[in-house]
Amino acid sequence: MKATPDGTAPGSPPPSLQADLARLEAIVRALEANDLDLDAALALFEEGVGRLRNARERLATAELRLKQLREAAGGGDVDDLAG
């Protein structure tokens, strides 16, 4: 079975945000090590792009949900939560 661009098996649940970030860190370390052949480096880069896209989508979804919750609770912007 071929993996999706983010390295997960098709049909499997997406990894957690923390798992994506940890894997991204590992990918960056591997790419910075300069001991990969071109095909392996490209495969890791492609996986990293997929995981980054997933992480950004999750963060955007969470930000939208926070905004909706704040508005439902009486207004305010998500940025107000920062202090």
N, C-alpha and C. Protein backbone atom coordinates (compact mmCIF):
# COMPACT_ATOMS: atom_id res chain seq x y z
N MET A 1 0.84 -1.17 0.00
CA MET A 1 0.00 0.00 0.00
C MET A 1 0.90 1.25 0.00
N LYS A 2 0.63 2.18 -0.89
CA LYS A 2 1.43 3.38 -1.01
C LYS A 2 0.99 4.41 0.02
N ALA A 3 1.96 5.09 0.63
CA ALA A 3 1.67 6.12 1.62
C ALA A 3 1.21 7.40 0.93
N THR A 4 0.47 8.20 1.67
CA THR A 4 0.05 9.51 1.19
C THR A 4 1.25 10.46 1.28
N PRO A 5 1.16 11.66 0.68
CA PRO A 5 2.31 12.59 0.73
C PRO A 5 2.78 12.93 2.14
N ASP A 6 1.90 12.83 3.14
CA ASP A 6 2.35 13.13 4.50
C ASP A 6 2.90 11.90 5.22
N GLY A 7 3.05 10.79 4.50
CA GLY A 7 3.67 9.61 5.06
C GLY A 7 2.72 8.65 5.75
N THR A 8 1.43 8.94 5.77
CA THR A 8 0.46 8.06 6.41
C THR A 8 -0.14 7.11 5.38
N ALA A 9 -0.69 6.02 5.87
CA ALA A 9 -1.34 5.06 4.98
C ALA A 9 -2.69 5.61 4.56
N PRO A 10 -3.08 5.40 3.31
CA PRO A 10 -4.40 5.87 2.87
C PRO A 10 -5.51 5.27 3.72
N GLY A 11 -6.47 6.10 4.10
CA GLY A 11 -7.59 5.65 4.90
C GLY A 11 -7.33 5.63 6.39
N SER A 12 -6.09 5.85 6.81
CA SER A 12 -5.80 5.86 8.24
C SER A 12 -6.09 7.25 8.80
N PRO A 13 -6.39 7.33 10.10
CA PRO A 13 -6.65 8.65 10.68
C PRO A 13 -5.39 9.51 10.62
N PRO A 14 -5.55 10.82 10.47
CA PRO A 14 -4.36 11.68 10.39
C PRO A 14 -3.61 11.70 11.72
N PRO A 15 -2.31 11.88 11.67
CA PRO A 15 -1.55 11.95 12.91
C PRO A 15 -1.91 13.22 13.68
N SER A 16 -1.62 13.23 14.96
CA SER A 16 -1.90 14.41 15.78
C SER A 16 -0.98 15.55 15.35
N LEU A 17 -1.35 16.75 15.74
CA LEU A 17 -0.51 17.91 15.45
C LEU A 17 0.88 17.72 16.05
N GLN A 18 0.93 17.22 17.26
CA GLN A 18 2.23 16.99 17.91
C GLN A 18 3.06 15.97 17.14
N ALA A 19 2.42 14.92 16.64
CA ALA A 19 3.14 13.92 15.86
C ALA A 19 3.65 14.52 14.55
N ASP A 20 2.82 15.34 13.91
CA ASP A 20 3.26 16.01 12.68
C ASP A 20 4.46 16.91 12.95
N LEU A 21 4.41 17.70 14.02
CA LEU A 21 5.52 18.60 14.33
C LEU A 21 6.79 17.84 14.68
N ALA A 22 6.65 16.75 15.44
CA ALA A 22 7.82 15.94 15.78
C ALA A 22 8.43 15.33 14.52
N ARG A 23 7.59 14.84 13.63
CA ARG A 23 8.09 14.26 12.38
C ARG A 23 8.74 15.31 11.51
N LEU A 24 8.16 16.53 11.47
CA LEU A 24 8.77 17.62 10.71
C LEU A 24 10.17 17.93 11.23
N GLU A 25 10.32 17.95 12.54
CA GLU A 25 11.65 18.20 13.12
C GLU A 25 12.64 17.12 12.70
N ALA A 26 12.18 15.87 12.71
CA ALA A 26 13.05 14.76 12.30
C ALA A 26 13.42 14.88 10.82
N ILE A 27 12.47 15.29 10.00
CA ILE A 27 12.72 15.45 8.57
C ILE A 27 13.75 16.56 8.35
N VAL A 28 13.60 17.66 9.04
CA VAL A 28 14.56 18.77 8.90
C VAL A 28 15.95 18.31 9.29
N ARG A 29 16.06 17.60 10.42
CA ARG A 29 17.37 17.10 10.85
C ARG A 29 17.97 16.18 9.79
N ALA A 30 17.16 15.29 9.23
CA ALA A 30 17.67 14.36 8.22
C ALA A 30 18.12 15.10 6.97
N LEU A 31 17.35 16.09 6.54
CA LEU A 31 17.72 16.85 5.35
C LEU A 31 18.97 17.69 5.58
N GLU A 32 19.13 18.20 6.80
CA GLU A 32 20.30 19.02 7.11
C GLU A 32 21.57 18.18 7.25
N ALA A 33 21.41 16.88 7.47
CA ALA A 33 22.57 16.00 7.66
C ALA A 33 23.36 15.81 6.37
N ASN A 34 22.76 16.06 5.23
CA ASN A 34 23.43 15.96 3.93
C ASN A 34 23.96 14.57 3.61
N ASP A 35 23.40 13.54 4.22
CA ASP A 35 23.88 12.19 3.90
C ASP A 35 22.82 11.35 3.18
N LEU A 36 21.84 12.03 2.58
CA LEU A 36 20.79 11.34 1.84
C LEU A 36 21.03 11.44 0.34
N ASP A 37 20.62 10.40 -0.38
CA ASP A 37 20.67 10.54 -1.83
C ASP A 37 19.50 11.40 -2.28
N LEU A 38 19.51 11.82 -3.52
CA LEU A 38 18.51 12.75 -4.03
C LEU A 38 17.09 12.21 -3.89
N ASP A 39 16.89 10.95 -4.24
CA ASP A 39 15.54 10.37 -4.17
C ASP A 39 15.01 10.35 -2.74
N ALA A 40 15.86 9.97 -1.78
CA ALA A 40 15.43 9.94 -0.38
C ALA A 40 15.14 11.35 0.13
N ALA A 41 15.98 12.31 -0.27
CA ALA A 41 15.77 13.70 0.15
C ALA A 41 14.46 14.24 -0.42
N LEU A 42 14.19 13.95 -1.68
CA LEU A 42 12.93 14.41 -2.29
C LEU A 42 11.72 13.78 -1.61
N ALA A 43 11.82 12.50 -1.29
CA ALA A 43 10.71 11.82 -0.61
C ALA A 43 10.46 12.43 0.76
N LEU A 44 11.53 12.71 1.50
CA LEU A 44 11.37 13.35 2.81
C LEU A 44 10.79 14.76 2.67
N PHE A 45 11.27 15.49 1.68
CA PHE A 45 10.77 16.84 1.46
C PHE A 45 9.28 16.80 1.15
N GLU A 46 8.87 15.87 0.29
CA GLU A 46 7.45 15.74 -0.06
C GLU A 46 6.62 15.39 1.18
N GLU A 47 7.11 14.48 2.00
CA GLU A 47 6.41 14.14 3.23
C GLU A 47 6.30 15.37 4.14
N GLY A 48 7.37 16.12 4.24
CA GLY A 48 7.37 17.32 5.07
C GLY A 48 6.36 18.35 4.61
N VAL A 49 6.26 18.53 3.30
CA VAL A 49 5.28 19.48 2.75
C VAL A 49 3.87 19.04 3.12
N GLY A 50 3.58 17.76 3.01
CA GLY A 50 2.27 17.25 3.36
C GLY A 50 1.96 17.43 4.85
N ARG A 51 2.94 17.15 5.68
CA ARG A 51 2.73 17.30 7.12
C ARG A 51 2.58 18.77 7.51
N LEU A 52 3.34 19.64 6.85
CA LEU A 52 3.21 21.08 7.12
C LEU A 52 1.83 21.57 6.72
N ARG A 53 1.34 21.11 5.58
CA ARG A 53 0.01 21.49 5.13
C ARG A 53 -1.05 21.02 6.14
N ASN A 54 -0.92 19.80 6.62
CA ASN A 54 -1.86 19.28 7.62
C ASN A 54 -1.82 20.11 8.89
N ALA A 55 -0.62 20.45 9.35
CA ALA A 55 -0.49 21.23 10.58
C ALA A 55 -1.11 22.61 10.41
N ARG A 56 -0.87 23.25 9.29
CA ARG A 56 -1.45 24.58 9.05
C ARG A 56 -2.97 24.52 9.00
N GLU A 57 -3.51 23.49 8.37
CA GLU A 57 -4.97 23.33 8.29
C GLU A 57 -5.56 23.12 9.68
N ARG A 58 -4.90 22.32 10.48
CA ARG A 58 -5.38 22.08 11.85
C ARG A 58 -5.35 23.36 12.68
N LEU A 59 -4.27 24.11 12.55
CA LEU A 59 -4.17 25.36 13.31
C LEU A 59 -5.22 26.36 12.85
N ALA A 60 -5.46 26.45 11.56
CA ALA A 60 -6.48 27.37 11.05
C ALA A 60 -7.87 26.95 11.54
N THR A 61 -8.13 25.65 11.56
CA THR A 61 -9.41 25.14 12.05
C THR A 61 -9.57 25.45 13.54
N ALA A 62 -8.52 25.25 14.31
CA ALA A 62 -8.57 25.54 15.74
C ALA A 62 -8.78 27.03 15.98
N GLU A 63 -8.11 27.87 15.22
CA GLU A 63 -8.26 29.32 15.37
C GLU A 63 -9.70 29.75 15.07
N LEU A 64 -10.27 29.20 14.01
CA LEU A 64 -11.65 29.51 13.67
C LEU A 64 -12.59 29.05 14.77
N ARG A 65 -12.37 27.86 15.30
CA ARG A 65 -13.22 27.35 16.38
C ARG A 65 -13.12 28.24 17.61
N LEU A 66 -11.91 28.68 17.95
CA LEU A 66 -11.74 29.58 19.09
C LEU A 66 -12.49 30.89 18.87
N LYS A 67 -12.42 31.41 17.66
CA LYS A 67 -13.12 32.65 17.34
C LYS A 67 -14.63 32.46 17.50
N GLN A 68 -15.14 31.33 17.02
CA GLN A 68 -16.58 31.05 17.14
C GLN A 68 -16.99 30.93 18.60
N LEU A 69 -16.17 30.29 19.40
CA LEU A 69 -16.49 30.12 20.81
C LEU A 69 -16.47 31.46 21.54
N ARG A 70 -15.48 32.31 21.21
CA ARG A 70 -15.41 33.64 21.84
C ARG A 70 -16.63 34.47 21.46
N GLU A 71 -17.02 34.43 20.20
CA GLU A 71 -18.17 35.20 19.74
C GLU A 71 -19.45 34.68 20.41
N ALA A 72 -19.57 33.38 20.56
CA ALA A 72 -20.74 32.80 21.21
C ALA A 72 -20.78 33.15 22.70
N ALA A 73 -19.61 33.40 23.28
CA ALA A 73 -19.53 33.71 24.70
C ALA A 73 -19.65 35.20 24.98
N GLY A 74 -19.88 35.99 23.95
CA GLY A 74 -20.10 37.40 24.21
C GLY A 74 -19.16 38.33 23.49
N GLY A 75 -18.53 37.85 22.45
CA GLY A 75 -17.71 38.73 21.63
C GLY A 75 -16.25 38.63 21.97
N GLY A 76 -15.51 39.48 21.31
CA GLY A 76 -14.07 39.49 21.46
C GLY A 76 -13.40 38.75 20.33
N ASP A 77 -12.13 39.02 20.19
CA ASP A 77 -11.35 38.42 19.13
C ASP A 77 -10.41 37.40 19.75
N VAL A 78 -9.98 36.43 18.99
CA VAL A 78 -9.05 35.41 19.45
C VAL A 78 -7.78 36.06 19.96
N ASP A 79 -7.35 37.16 19.34
CA ASP A 79 -6.13 37.84 19.76
C ASP A 79 -6.24 38.35 21.19
N ASP A 80 -7.44 38.59 21.68
CA ASP A 80 -7.64 39.05 23.05
C ASP A 80 -7.20 38.00 24.06
N LEU A 81 -7.18 36.73 23.67
CA LEU A 81 -6.80 35.65 24.57
C LEU A 81 -5.32 35.72 24.94
N ALA A 82 -4.51 36.33 24.10
CA ALA A 82 -3.08 36.39 24.35
C ALA A 82 -2.75 37.30 25.52
N GLY A 83 -3.63 38.11 25.92
CA GLY A 83 -3.39 38.94 27.08
C GLY A 83 -3.32 40.34 26.72
